[in-house]
Amino acid sequence: MKKPRRRRIGFTLLEVLLTISILSILMGLLFASLKAVRRYSREVSTRTELANLEAAFRMFYDHYGYWPLETNSESEDVEITINTKIINTLSGRAPEENDPDLNPDRIPFFEIFRIKDGNAVNAWGETYGEPYQAKFDTNGDNTLANPVYELGDPNNSENPPTFYRSVIVWTLHPDFQNDSTSKKRVLGSWQQ
């Protein structure tokens, strides 16, 4: 007479190791895609801020008839780094002591919360945040030279050397490398 076989309960070591390895591969894929999604969302956030900043500058100009600059040169276009003074002006806050009051009506045109070393920075914030730059058409010809265009640079071949706008805003992309192999150089308010 045959002895009945006892049914074993549980998993073998091989089954457990195989399950753990499959789960670790799936987790690795998930974390990589989450990192890419987070990076893309920061890029979209930065592009949105650039467009909003450009619109805020235009609204400021439409309301007051001058750019939020301490000096408005009429002979050449003015390029600035957007700093705390500009942010205070655009957000409608009272200026700091000894600063000109460029927004006497205290109209909030725009608000930025990420400040690093006194400058407004992009959505990568404290870690990789690069300051926002702006260029204004102060001479009234409605043209601005592309500040990041370099003749023969393959990364900027799609951008014309001149923009027909009154103001542009840009920031360096976190993947920026100062060489011709860099795929992404800047994020600009003129890009779609």
C-alpha atoms as a PDB file:
ATOM      1  CA  MET A   1       0.000   0.000   0.000  1.00  0.00           C
ATOM      2  CA  LYS A   2       1.276   3.428  -0.963  1.00  0.00           C
ATOM      3  CA  LYS A   3       1.812   5.999   1.653  1.00  0.00           C
ATOM      4  CA  PRO A   4      -0.158   9.164   0.920  1.00  0.00           C
ATOM      5  CA  ARG A   5       2.104  12.059  -0.001  1.00  0.00           C
ATOM      6  CA  ARG A   6       2.100  14.912   2.375  1.00  0.00           C
ATOM      7  CA  ARG A   7       1.220  18.211   0.789  1.00  0.00           C
ATOM      8  CA  ARG A   8       3.824  20.795   1.467  1.00  0.00           C
ATOM      9  CA  ILE A   9       2.757  24.262   2.554  1.00  0.00           C
ATOM     10  CA  GLY A  10       4.784  27.360   1.649  1.00  0.00           C
ATOM     11  CA  PHE A  11       7.199  28.422  -1.057  1.00  0.00           C
ATOM     12  CA  THR A  12      10.559  27.126  -2.014  1.00  0.00           C
ATOM     13  CA  LEU A  13      13.574  29.384  -1.801  1.00  0.00           C
ATOM     14  CA  LEU A  14      13.741  29.560  -5.595  1.00  0.00           C
ATOM     15  CA  GLU A  15      10.136  30.777  -5.845  1.00  0.00           C
ATOM     16  CA  VAL A  16      10.713  33.478  -3.230  1.00  0.00           C
ATOM     17  CA  LEU A  17      13.904  34.709  -4.921  1.00  0.00           C
ATOM     18  CA  LEU A  18      12.204  34.780  -8.313  1.00  0.00           C
ATOM     19  CA  THR A  19       9.278  36.796  -6.916  1.00  0.00           C
ATOM     20  CA  ILE A  20      11.615  39.276  -5.222  1.00  0.00           C
ATOM     21  CA  SER A  21      13.651  39.776  -8.399  1.00  0.00           C
ATOM     22  CA  ILE A  22      10.530  40.379 -10.521  1.00  0.00           C
ATOM     23  CA  LEU A  23       9.195  42.886  -7.990  1.00  0.00           C
ATOM     24  CA  SER A  24      12.527  44.737  -7.845  1.00  0.00           C
ATOM     25  CA  ILE A  25      12.620  45.033 -11.654  1.00  0.00           C
ATOM     26  CA  LEU A  26       9.072  46.400 -11.694  1.00  0.00           C
ATOM     27  CA  MET A  27       9.866  48.860  -8.887  1.00  0.00           C
ATOM     28  CA  GLY A  28      12.935  50.082 -10.761  1.00  0.00           C
ATOM     29  CA  LEU A  29      10.856  50.740 -13.878  1.00  0.00           C
ATOM     30  CA  LEU A  30       8.231  52.544 -11.820  1.00  0.00           C
ATOM     31  CA  PHE A  31      10.750  54.824 -10.069  1.00  0.00           C
ATOM     32  CA  ALA A  32      12.445  55.694 -13.361  1.00  0.00           C
ATOM     33  CA  SER A  33       9.144  56.696 -14.937  1.00  0.00           C
ATOM     34  CA  LEU A  34       8.142  58.713 -11.851  1.00  0.00           C
ATOM     35  CA  LYS A  35      11.428  60.601 -12.024  1.00  0.00           C
ATOM     36  CA  ALA A  36      10.830  61.405 -15.702  1.00  0.00           C
ATOM     37  CA  VAL A  37       7.278  62.565 -14.959  1.00  0.00           C
ATOM     38  CA  ARG A  38       8.513  64.808 -12.138  1.00  0.00           C
ATOM     39  CA  ARG A  39      11.186  66.313 -14.397  1.00  0.00           C
ATOM     40  CA  TYR A  40       8.667  66.915 -17.180  1.00  0.00           C
ATOM     41  CA  SER A  41       6.199  68.537 -14.765  1.00  0.00           C
ATOM     42  CA  ARG A  42       8.923  70.933 -13.572  1.00  0.00           C
ATOM     43  CA  GLU A  43       9.709  71.834 -17.173  1.00  0.00           C
ATOM     44  CA  VAL A  44       6.018  72.485 -17.891  1.00  0.00           C
ATOM     45  CA  SER A  45       5.778  74.556 -14.705  1.00  0.00           C
ATOM     46  CA  THR A  46       8.793  76.629 -15.765  1.00  0.00           C
ATOM     47  CA  ARG A  47       7.373  77.198 -19.259  1.00  0.00           C
ATOM     48  CA  THR A  48       4.076  78.317 -17.708  1.00  0.00           C
ATOM     49  CA  GLU A  49       5.870  80.734 -15.386  1.00  0.00           C
ATOM     50  CA  LEU A  50       7.829  82.159 -18.323  1.00  0.00           C
ATOM     51  CA  ALA A  51       4.634  82.831 -20.282  1.00  0.00           C
ATOM     52  CA  ASN A  52       2.957  84.304 -17.193  1.00  0.00           C
ATOM     53  CA  LEU A  53       5.949  86.517 -16.455  1.00  0.00           C
ATOM     54  CA  GLU A  54       5.933  87.845 -20.011  1.00  0.00           C
ATOM     55  CA  ALA A  55       2.194  88.535 -19.736  1.00  0.00           C
ATOM     56  CA  ALA A  56       2.702  90.250 -16.348  1.00  0.00           C
ATOM     57  CA  PHE A  57       5.358  92.548 -17.820  1.00  0.00           C
ATOM     58  CA  ARG A  58       3.050  93.436 -20.710  1.00  0.00           C
ATOM     59  CA  MET A  59       0.130  94.111 -18.342  1.00  0.00           C
ATOM     60  CA  PHE A  60       2.406  96.305 -16.221  1.00  0.00           C
ATOM     61  CA  TYR A  61       3.437  98.256 -19.321  1.00  0.00           C
ATOM     62  CA  ASP A  62      -0.173  98.566 -20.518  1.00  0.00           C
ATOM     63  CA  HIS A  63      -1.212  99.952 -17.132  1.00  0.00           C
ATOM     64  CA  TYR A  64       1.667 102.340 -16.428  1.00  0.00           C
ATOM     65  CA  GLY A  65       3.196 103.033 -19.852  1.00  0.00           C
ATOM     66  CA  TYR A  66       6.715 102.071 -18.734  1.00  0.00           C
ATOM     67  CA  TRP A  67       8.609  98.887 -17.902  1.00  0.00           C
ATOM     68  CA  PRO A  68       9.278  97.969 -14.250  1.00  0.00           C
ATOM     69  CA  LEU A  69      12.907  99.066 -14.519  1.00  0.00           C
ATOM     70  CA  GLU A  70      14.783 101.620 -12.489  1.00  0.00           C
ATOM     71  CA  THR A  71      16.008 103.203 -15.732  1.00  0.00           C
ATOM     72  CA  ASN A  72      14.273 103.031 -19.079  1.00  0.00           C
ATOM     73  CA  SER A  73      16.851 103.530 -21.813  1.00  0.00           C
ATOM     74  CA  GLU A  74      15.362 104.705 -25.087  1.00  0.00           C
ATOM     75  CA  SER A  75      18.439 104.050 -27.201  1.00  0.00           C
ATOM     76  CA  GLU A  76      18.881 100.299 -26.725  1.00  0.00           C
ATOM     77  CA  ASP A  77      16.987  97.302 -25.369  1.00  0.00           C
ATOM     78  CA  VAL A  78      17.511  96.467 -21.696  1.00  0.00           C
ATOM     79  CA  GLU A  79      18.343  92.975 -20.394  1.00  0.00           C
ATOM     80  CA  ILE A  80      17.933  92.172 -16.678  1.00  0.00           C
ATOM     81  CA  THR A  81      17.975  89.341 -14.162  1.00  0.00           C
ATOM     82  CA  ILE A  82      14.601  89.179 -12.430  1.00  0.00           C
ATOM     83  CA  ASN A  83      15.436  89.919  -8.812  1.00  0.00           C
ATOM     84  CA  THR A  84      13.561  90.651  -5.591  1.00  0.00           C
ATOM     85  CA  LYS A  85      12.960  94.302  -6.557  1.00  0.00           C
ATOM     86  CA  ILE A  86      11.233  93.282  -9.794  1.00  0.00           C
ATOM     87  CA  ILE A  87       9.222  90.577  -7.995  1.00  0.00           C
ATOM     88  CA  ASN A  88       8.094  93.077  -5.339  1.00  0.00           C
ATOM     89  CA  THR A  89       7.076  95.489  -8.089  1.00  0.00           C
ATOM     90  CA  LEU A  90       5.139  92.866 -10.077  1.00  0.00           C
ATOM     91  CA  SER A  91       3.451  91.440  -6.980  1.00  0.00           C
ATOM     92  CA  GLY A  92       2.264  94.866  -5.791  1.00  0.00           C
ATOM     93  CA  ARG A  93       4.296  94.969  -2.576  1.00  0.00           C
ATOM     94  CA  ALA A  94       5.718  98.180  -1.216  1.00  0.00           C
ATOM     95  CA  PRO A  95       9.337  98.701  -2.299  1.00  0.00           C
ATOM     96  CA  GLU A  96      12.186  98.287   0.124  1.00  0.00           C
ATOM     97  CA  GLU A  97      13.845 101.373   1.536  1.00  0.00           C
ATOM     98  CA  ASN A  98      15.642 103.535  -1.065  1.00  0.00           C
ATOM     99  CA  ASP A  99      14.033 101.631  -3.979  1.00  0.00           C
ATOM    100  CA  PRO A 100      11.868 103.542  -6.458  1.00  0.00           C
ATOM    101  CA  ASP A 101       8.124 102.932  -6.204  1.00  0.00           C
ATOM    102  CA  LEU A 102       7.414 101.593  -9.695  1.00  0.00           C
ATOM    103  CA  ASN A 103       3.965 100.172  -8.847  1.00  0.00           C
ATOM    104  CA  PRO A 104       2.216 102.942  -6.871  1.00  0.00           C
ATOM    105  CA  ASP A 105      -1.250 101.376  -7.400  1.00  0.00           C
ATOM    106  CA  ARG A 106      -0.052  98.122  -5.738  1.00  0.00           C
ATOM    107  CA  ILE A 107      -1.575  95.981  -8.483  1.00  0.00           C
ATOM    108  CA  PRO A 108      -0.487  92.323  -8.238  1.00  0.00           C
ATOM    109  CA  PHE A 109       0.489  91.317 -11.764  1.00  0.00           C
ATOM    110  CA  PHE A 110       2.384  88.131 -10.844  1.00  0.00           C
ATOM    111  CA  GLU A 111       3.887  86.307  -7.862  1.00  0.00           C
ATOM    112  CA  ILE A 112       6.991  84.114  -7.650  1.00  0.00           C
ATOM    113  CA  PHE A 113       7.817  82.204  -4.494  1.00  0.00           C
ATOM    114  CA  ARG A 114      11.189  80.671  -5.368  1.00  0.00           C
ATOM    115  CA  ILE A 115      13.979  83.124  -4.600  1.00  0.00           C
ATOM    116  CA  LYS A 116      17.634  82.079  -4.529  1.00  0.00           C
ATOM    117  CA  ASP A 117      20.396  84.592  -3.743  1.00  0.00           C
ATOM    118  CA  GLY A 118      17.932  87.455  -4.318  1.00  0.00           C
ATOM    119  CA  ASN A 119      16.874  86.271  -7.795  1.00  0.00           C
ATOM    120  CA  ALA A 120      13.681  84.560  -8.954  1.00  0.00           C
ATOM    121  CA  VAL A 121      14.544  81.022 -10.055  1.00  0.00           C
ATOM    122  CA  ASN A 122      12.861  78.385 -12.209  1.00  0.00           C
ATOM    123  CA  ALA A 123      10.839  75.392 -11.014  1.00  0.00           C
ATOM    124  CA  TRP A 124      13.951  73.363 -10.189  1.00  0.00           C
ATOM    125  CA  GLY A 125      14.194  75.699  -7.198  1.00  0.00           C
ATOM    126  CA  GLU A 126      16.979  75.564  -4.646  1.00  0.00           C
ATOM    127  CA  THR A 127      18.801  72.613  -6.185  1.00  0.00           C
ATOM    128  CA  TYR A 128      19.223  73.513  -9.827  1.00  0.00           C
ATOM    129  CA  GLY A 129      17.195  76.709 -10.077  1.00  0.00           C
ATOM    130  CA  GLU A 130      18.628  79.145 -12.593  1.00  0.00           C
ATOM    131  CA  PRO A 131      17.539  82.788 -12.476  1.00  0.00           C
ATOM    132  CA  TYR A 132      14.940  84.164 -14.829  1.00  0.00           C
ATOM    133  CA  GLN A 133      16.201  86.718 -17.336  1.00  0.00           C
ATOM    134  CA  ALA A 134      14.157  89.301 -19.242  1.00  0.00           C
ATOM    135  CA  LYS A 135      14.786  91.617 -22.149  1.00  0.00           C
ATOM    136  CA  PHE A 136      12.648  94.688 -22.863  1.00  0.00           C
ATOM    137  CA  ASP A 137      12.066  96.663 -26.038  1.00  0.00           C
ATOM    138  CA  THR A 138      12.672 100.119 -24.589  1.00  0.00           C
ATOM    139  CA  ASN A 139      13.313 101.880 -27.898  1.00  0.00           C
ATOM    140  CA  GLY A 140       9.852 101.057 -29.283  1.00  0.00           C
ATOM    141  CA  ASP A 141      10.819  99.262 -32.508  1.00  0.00           C
ATOM    142  CA  ASN A 142       9.054  96.041 -31.328  1.00  0.00           C
ATOM    143  CA  THR A 143      12.104  93.878 -32.061  1.00  0.00           C
ATOM    144  CA  LEU A 144      14.428  92.115 -29.660  1.00  0.00           C
ATOM    145  CA  ALA A 145      17.628  90.316 -30.545  1.00  0.00           C
ATOM    146  CA  ASN A 146      17.631  86.707 -29.379  1.00  0.00           C
ATOM    147  CA  PRO A 147      19.904  86.808 -26.310  1.00  0.00           C
ATOM    148  CA  VAL A 148      20.813  83.111 -26.551  1.00  0.00           C
ATOM    149  CA  TYR A 149      21.295  82.868 -30.304  1.00  0.00           C
ATOM    150  CA  GLU A 150      24.769  82.037 -31.537  1.00  0.00           C
ATOM    151  CA  LEU A 151      25.458  81.909 -35.253  1.00  0.00           C
ATOM    152  CA  GLY A 152      26.059  78.329 -36.388  1.00  0.00           C
ATOM    153  CA  ASP A 153      24.905  76.807 -33.098  1.00  0.00           C
ATOM    154  CA  PRO A 154      22.847  73.697 -34.006  1.00  0.00           C
ATOM    155  CA  ASN A 155      20.856  74.012 -30.772  1.00  0.00           C
ATOM    156  CA  ASN A 156      19.470  77.408 -31.750  1.00  0.00           C
ATOM    157  CA  SER A 157      18.956  76.894 -35.466  1.00  0.00           C
ATOM    158  CA  GLU A 158      15.163  76.914 -35.057  1.00  0.00           C
ATOM    159  CA  ASN A 159      15.193  80.274 -33.258  1.00  0.00           C
ATOM    160  CA  PRO A 160      15.449  83.399 -35.385  1.00  0.00           C
ATOM    161  CA  PRO A 161      18.035  85.964 -34.320  1.00  0.00           C
ATOM    162  CA  THR A 162      15.246  88.542 -33.870  1.00  0.00           C
ATOM    163  CA  PHE A 163      11.905  88.388 -32.039  1.00  0.00           C
ATOM    164  CA  TYR A 164       9.065  90.720 -32.892  1.00  0.00           C
ATOM    165  CA  ARG A 165       7.961  91.214 -29.307  1.00  0.00           C
ATOM    166  CA  SER A 166       8.096  93.901 -26.664  1.00  0.00           C
ATOM    167  CA  VAL A 167       9.455  91.610 -23.924  1.00  0.00           C
ATOM    168  CA  ILE A 168      10.914  88.100 -23.666  1.00  0.00           C
ATOM    169  CA  VAL A 169      11.735  85.999 -20.604  1.00  0.00           C
ATOM    170  CA  TRP A 170      14.013  82.951 -20.396  1.00  0.00           C
ATOM    171  CA  THR A 171      16.021  80.721 -18.073  1.00  0.00           C
ATOM    172  CA  LEU A 172      18.726  78.110 -18.553  1.00  0.00           C
ATOM    173  CA  HIS A 173      17.556  74.520 -18.725  1.00  0.00           C
ATOM    174  CA  PRO A 174      18.986  72.343 -15.907  1.00  0.00           C
ATOM    175  CA  ASP A 175      20.505  70.030 -18.520  1.00  0.00           C
ATOM    176  CA  PHE A 176      22.393  72.966 -20.040  1.00  0.00           C
ATOM    177  CA  GLN A 177      26.019  72.282 -20.839  1.00  0.00           C
ATOM    178  CA  ASN A 178      28.224  74.923 -22.345  1.00  0.00           C
ATOM    179  CA  ASP A 179      29.094  72.899 -25.437  1.00  0.00           C
ATOM    180  CA  SER A 180      27.569  72.074 -28.796  1.00  0.00           C
ATOM    181  CA  THR A 181      26.463  68.570 -27.718  1.00  0.00           C
ATOM    182  CA  SER A 182      23.850  69.923 -25.312  1.00  0.00           C
ATOM    183  CA  LYS A 183      20.349  69.196 -26.602  1.00  0.00           C
ATOM    184  CA  LYS A 184      18.571  71.707 -24.396  1.00  0.00           C
ATOM    185  CA  ARG A 185      19.982  75.117 -23.656  1.00  0.00           C
ATOM    186  CA  VAL A 186      17.197  77.441 -22.563  1.00  0.00           C
ATOM    187  CA  LEU A 187      13.520  77.566 -21.813  1.00  0.00           C
ATOM    188  CA  GLY A 188      12.062  80.748 -23.320  1.00  0.00           C
ATOM    189  CA  SER A 189       8.710  82.504 -23.252  1.00  0.00           C
ATOM    190  CA  TRP A 190       8.810  82.513 -27.070  1.00  0.00           C
ATOM    191  CA  GLN A 191       8.866  78.692 -27.227  1.00  0.00           C
ATOM    192  CA  GLN A 192       5.660  76.691 -27.458  1.00  0.00           C
END
